[in-house]
Amino acid sequence: MMKETYLGVHVSPLTYEGIISEIRTRMEGNLQSTIIAVNPEKVMTAQKNPEVKSLINGSTFQIADGVGILLASKLKKGAITSRVTGVDMMARLLKFAADEQHPVYLYGAKQEVVQQAAKNIQQQHPAIRIAGTTDGYEQDEEALIQRINDSGAKIIFVALGSPKQELWIRRNMDKLKNVLVFQGVGGSFDVFSGTVKRAPAAFRNTGTEWLYRLASDPKRIKRQMNLPKFLLRILFNRSN
């Protein structure tokens, strides 16, 4: 598929529906797919860390999770017309899994968080099969791999934080031959468990969740400065 590239980092210009359609086709062909969220902070980190850039560019789908990516595409007359956030992509995949009977596995976060997330997901999608859950403090990686393989899971959500979750996925994909879809979801289990509330819809719909999070936690200002830095680099970097 065609990708857009910003400061050397690839981004998929697909919508939620486009990604689900591609994943369905790839699953029918028994092909594994990885999904990673891309925002200005990750792009700027990738400028200094080749491993982060490799993790992003090596993924099947790099979703435009950040208003800065959408703005960059508009500036460069690209094809990205809407954001595809990590938590909403997970929600779409859960519905897809329920509708098409693909077992899912949840790995990461605290035990009480992942278990409550699983319980809430099951209530929201009664037809879904949650093949298993494991918290993010599991020390025996080989035992975990065996557990996931034995579970029959086809889709796994990994909530270890970035880039740890992407490194885990890359390290273990070949060992998890039954799993066909891998998504690193950061703090999404906190949202699905109800531990953390998302920004109000008005902020989500206008792409200003960053402003809501900044107002809630002013210490984020240093991280949020990546957005103007990113856009300035996009404007003045002729190679993009």
Protein backbone atom coordinates (compact mmCIF):
# COMPACT_ATOMS: atom_id res chain seq x y z
CA MET A 1 0.00 0.00 0.00
CA MET A 2 1.08 3.59 -0.58
CA LYS A 3 2.46 5.42 2.45
CA GLU A 4 3.11 9.07 3.20
CA THR A 5 6.48 9.94 4.71
CA TYR A 6 7.24 12.74 7.16
CA LEU A 7 10.84 13.33 8.26
CA GLY A 8 11.63 9.78 7.16
CA VAL A 9 8.72 8.21 9.06
CA HIS A 10 5.96 6.36 7.19
CA VAL A 11 2.25 6.94 7.83
CA SER A 12 -0.64 4.93 6.38
CA PRO A 13 -3.30 7.19 4.78
CA LEU A 14 -6.08 4.66 5.44
CA THR A 15 -9.26 5.26 7.46
CA TYR A 16 -10.51 2.86 10.15
CA GLU A 17 -12.66 1.13 7.55
CA GLY A 18 -9.76 0.86 5.12
CA ILE A 19 -7.50 -0.71 7.72
CA ILE A 20 -10.16 -3.22 8.80
CA SER A 21 -10.72 -4.15 5.15
CA GLU A 22 -6.97 -4.65 4.59
CA ILE A 23 -6.67 -6.68 7.79
CA ARG A 24 -9.57 -8.92 6.78
CA THR A 25 -7.88 -9.63 3.45
CA ARG A 26 -4.51 -10.27 5.07
CA MET A 27 -6.05 -12.62 7.66
CA GLU A 28 -7.71 -14.58 4.87
CA GLY A 29 -4.23 -14.96 3.37
CA ASN A 30 -2.81 -15.99 6.77
CA LEU A 31 -0.56 -12.91 6.80
CA GLN A 32 0.48 -11.25 10.06
CA SER A 33 -0.14 -7.51 10.48
CA THR A 34 1.19 -4.97 12.96
CA ILE A 35 -0.37 -1.64 13.87
CA ILE A 36 1.55 1.24 15.43
CA ALA A 37 0.27 4.70 16.32
CA VAL A 38 2.27 7.64 14.92
CA ASN A 39 2.16 11.15 16.34
CA PRO A 40 4.53 14.14 16.19
CA GLU A 41 6.25 13.10 19.43
CA LYS A 42 7.15 9.69 17.97
CA VAL A 43 8.31 11.25 14.71
CA MET A 44 10.61 13.62 16.58
CA THR A 45 11.91 10.76 18.74
CA ALA A 46 12.62 8.80 15.57
CA GLN A 47 14.93 11.61 14.41
CA LYS A 48 17.27 10.77 17.29
CA ASN A 49 16.58 7.06 17.70
CA PRO A 50 17.03 4.84 14.62
CA GLU A 51 15.44 1.90 16.45
CA VAL A 52 12.19 3.81 16.92
CA LYS A 53 12.20 4.76 13.23
CA SER A 54 12.81 1.12 12.30
CA LEU A 55 9.94 -0.06 14.53
CA ILE A 56 7.53 2.43 12.96
CA ASN A 57 8.57 1.92 9.35
CA GLY A 58 8.67 -1.86 9.75
CA SER A 59 5.00 -2.02 10.77
CA THR A 60 2.21 -2.95 8.40
CA PHE A 61 -0.02 -0.03 9.38
CA GLN A 62 1.25 3.26 10.82
CA ILE A 63 -1.92 5.00 11.96
CA ALA A 64 -2.18 8.79 12.06
CA ASP A 65 -2.76 9.15 15.79
CA GLY A 66 -2.21 12.86 16.28
CA VAL A 67 -3.62 16.06 14.83
CA GLY A 68 -0.07 17.06 13.88
CA ILE A 69 0.11 14.22 11.34
CA LEU A 70 -3.19 15.33 9.83
CA LEU A 71 -1.96 18.93 9.60
CA ALA A 72 1.31 17.80 8.02
CA SER A 73 -0.59 15.86 5.38
CA LYS A 74 -2.70 18.90 4.59
CA LEU A 75 0.39 21.09 4.33
CA LYS A 76 1.97 18.64 1.90
CA LYS A 77 -1.28 17.97 0.01
CA GLY A 78 -1.32 14.37 1.18
CA ALA A 79 -4.21 11.90 1.38
CA ILE A 80 -4.68 11.68 5.16
CA THR A 81 -8.11 13.19 5.80
CA SER A 82 -8.83 12.04 9.35
CA ARG A 83 -7.11 10.82 12.49
CA VAL A 84 -6.99 7.13 13.37
CA THR A 85 -6.38 7.01 17.10
CA GLY A 86 -4.91 4.00 18.86
CA VAL A 87 -7.77 3.58 21.34
CA ASP A 88 -10.44 3.92 18.65
CA MET A 89 -8.56 1.53 16.36
CA MET A 90 -8.61 -0.99 19.20
CA ALA A 91 -12.35 -0.43 19.59
CA ARG A 92 -12.89 -1.06 15.86
CA LEU A 93 -10.79 -4.22 16.00
CA LEU A 94 -12.77 -5.49 18.99
CA LYS A 95 -16.03 -5.07 17.05
CA PHE A 96 -14.44 -6.77 14.04
CA ALA A 97 -13.27 -9.63 16.27
CA ALA A 98 -16.74 -10.03 17.77
CA ASP A 99 -18.49 -9.89 14.40
CA GLU A 100 -16.13 -12.34 12.68
CA GLN A 101 -15.33 -14.59 15.65
CA HIS A 102 -11.61 -13.92 15.99
CA PRO A 103 -10.39 -14.67 19.57
CA VAL A 104 -8.45 -11.81 21.20
CA TYR A 105 -5.76 -11.67 23.88
CA LEU A 106 -4.99 -8.74 26.18
CA TYR A 107 -1.43 -8.40 27.45
CA GLY A 108 -0.10 -5.58 29.60
CA ALA A 109 -1.02 -3.04 32.30
CA LYS A 110 -1.74 -3.92 35.92
CA GLN A 111 -3.62 -7.12 36.71
CA GLU A 112 -6.73 -5.37 37.97
CA VAL A 113 -6.74 -3.06 34.95
CA VAL A 114 -6.42 -5.74 32.26
CA GLN A 115 -8.99 -7.95 33.97
CA GLN A 116 -11.51 -5.11 34.30
CA ALA A 117 -10.86 -4.10 30.68
CA ALA A 118 -11.61 -7.68 29.60
CA LYS A 119 -14.79 -7.72 31.68
CA ASN A 120 -16.03 -4.43 30.20
CA ILE A 121 -15.18 -5.52 26.66
CA GLN A 122 -17.08 -8.77 27.15
CA GLN A 123 -20.11 -6.82 28.38
CA GLN A 124 -19.96 -4.48 25.39
CA HIS A 125 -19.45 -7.33 22.90
CA PRO A 126 -21.19 -10.44 24.27
CA ALA A 127 -20.20 -12.46 21.19
CA ILE A 128 -16.48 -11.79 21.54
CA ARG A 129 -14.16 -14.53 22.67
CA ILE A 130 -11.45 -13.22 24.98
CA ALA A 131 -8.87 -15.98 24.73
CA GLY A 132 -6.87 -14.76 27.72
CA THR A 133 -5.32 -11.92 29.67
CA THR A 134 -1.88 -11.41 31.20
CA ASP A 135 -0.68 -8.37 33.10
CA GLY A 136 2.43 -6.47 32.09
CA TYR A 137 4.51 -7.82 34.97
CA GLU A 138 4.89 -11.37 33.62
CA GLN A 139 8.57 -12.34 33.96
CA ASP A 140 8.54 -15.65 32.08
CA GLU A 141 8.30 -14.61 28.43
CA GLU A 142 8.51 -18.16 27.07
CA ALA A 143 5.65 -19.27 29.33
CA LEU A 144 3.63 -16.28 28.11
CA ILE A 145 4.27 -17.16 24.48
CA GLN A 146 3.13 -20.73 25.13
CA ARG A 147 0.01 -19.45 26.91
CA ILE A 148 -0.91 -17.21 23.98
CA ASN A 149 -0.30 -19.99 21.45
CA ASP A 150 -2.44 -22.40 23.48
CA SER A 151 -5.23 -19.82 23.75
CA GLY A 152 -6.00 -19.80 20.03
CA ALA A 153 -5.89 -15.98 19.90
CA LYS A 154 -5.87 -14.38 16.43
CA ILE A 155 -5.60 -10.77 17.59
CA ILE A 156 -3.43 -9.48 20.44
CA PHE A 157 -3.38 -6.07 22.07
CA VAL A 158 -0.10 -5.26 23.86
CA ALA A 159 -0.13 -2.49 26.47
CA LEU A 160 3.44 -2.07 27.66
CA GLY A 161 4.08 1.50 26.55
CA SER A 162 6.05 2.54 23.49
CA PRO A 163 8.57 1.43 22.28
CA LYS A 164 8.61 -1.52 24.73
CA GLN A 165 5.39 -2.97 23.33
CA GLU A 166 6.60 -2.71 19.72
CA LEU A 167 9.92 -4.31 20.64
CA TRP A 168 8.02 -7.18 22.31
CA ILE A 169 5.88 -7.65 19.21
CA ARG A 170 8.86 -7.65 16.86
CA ARG A 171 10.74 -10.09 19.08
CA ASN A 172 7.89 -12.58 19.36
CA MET A 173 5.89 -12.41 16.12
CA ASP A 174 7.58 -15.43 14.62
CA LYS A 175 6.85 -17.46 17.75
CA LEU A 176 3.15 -16.55 17.68
CA LYS A 177 2.22 -18.08 14.35
CA ASN A 178 -1.51 -18.29 15.14
CA VAL A 179 -1.73 -14.58 15.95
CA LEU A 180 -2.38 -12.55 12.81
CA VAL A 181 -2.95 -9.03 14.17
CA PHE A 182 -0.72 -7.23 16.69
CA GLN A 183 -1.49 -3.77 18.04
CA GLY A 184 0.55 -1.86 20.59
CA VAL A 185 -2.07 0.09 22.53
CA GLY A 186 -0.19 2.03 25.22
CA GLY A 187 -2.63 3.11 27.92
CA SER A 188 -5.78 1.95 26.13
CA PHE A 189 -6.53 -0.74 28.74
CA ASP A 190 -6.87 2.07 31.28
CA VAL A 191 -9.60 3.57 29.10
CA PHE A 192 -11.43 0.30 28.49
CA SER A 193 -11.27 -0.56 32.19
CA GLY A 194 -12.68 2.83 33.16
CA THR A 195 -9.56 3.68 35.16
CA VAL A 196 -8.86 6.70 32.95
CA LYS A 197 -11.49 8.87 31.28
CA ARG A 198 -10.95 10.11 27.74
CA ALA A 199 -11.12 13.75 26.83
CA PRO A 200 -14.69 15.02 26.23
CA ALA A 201 -16.07 14.39 22.74
CA ALA A 202 -15.70 18.08 21.81
CA PHE A 203 -11.92 17.81 22.21
CA ARG A 204 -11.70 14.41 20.46
CA ASN A 205 -13.77 15.55 17.49
CA THR A 206 -11.65 18.66 16.93
CA GLY A 207 -8.31 16.90 17.42
CA THR A 208 -7.49 18.97 20.51
CA GLU A 209 -7.17 16.16 23.05
CA TRP A 210 -3.59 17.35 23.54
CA LEU A 211 -4.95 20.66 24.83
CA TYR A 212 -7.28 18.90 27.27
CA ARG A 213 -4.42 16.70 28.53
CA LEU A 214 -2.16 19.72 28.88
CA ALA A 215 -4.79 21.59 30.89
CA SER A 216 -5.23 18.51 33.10
CA ASP A 217 -1.48 18.03 33.52
CA PRO A 218 0.62 21.17 32.80
CA LYS A 219 3.82 19.11 33.25
CA ARG A 220 3.15 17.73 29.75
CA ILE A 221 4.22 21.04 28.22
CA LYS A 222 7.68 19.74 27.31
CA ARG A 223 6.18 16.79 25.42
CA GLN A 224 3.57 18.99 23.74
CA MET A 225 6.29 21.25 22.34
CA ASN A 226 7.02 18.45 19.89
CA LEU A 227 3.94 19.49 17.90
CA PRO A 228 5.14 22.97 16.83
CA LYS A 229 8.68 21.65 16.35
CA PHE A 230 7.35 18.91 14.09
CA LEU A 231 5.22 21.27 11.99
CA LEU A 232 8.09 23.72 11.57
CA ARG A 233 10.35 20.89 10.39
CA ILE A 234 7.66 19.79 7.93
CA LEU A 235 7.27 23.32 6.56
CA PHE A 236 10.98 23.90 6.02
CA ASN A 237 12.17 20.41 5.11
CA ARG A 238 12.15 20.21 1.33
CA SER A 239 12.76 16.46 1.26
CA ASN A 240 9.21 15.71 2.55
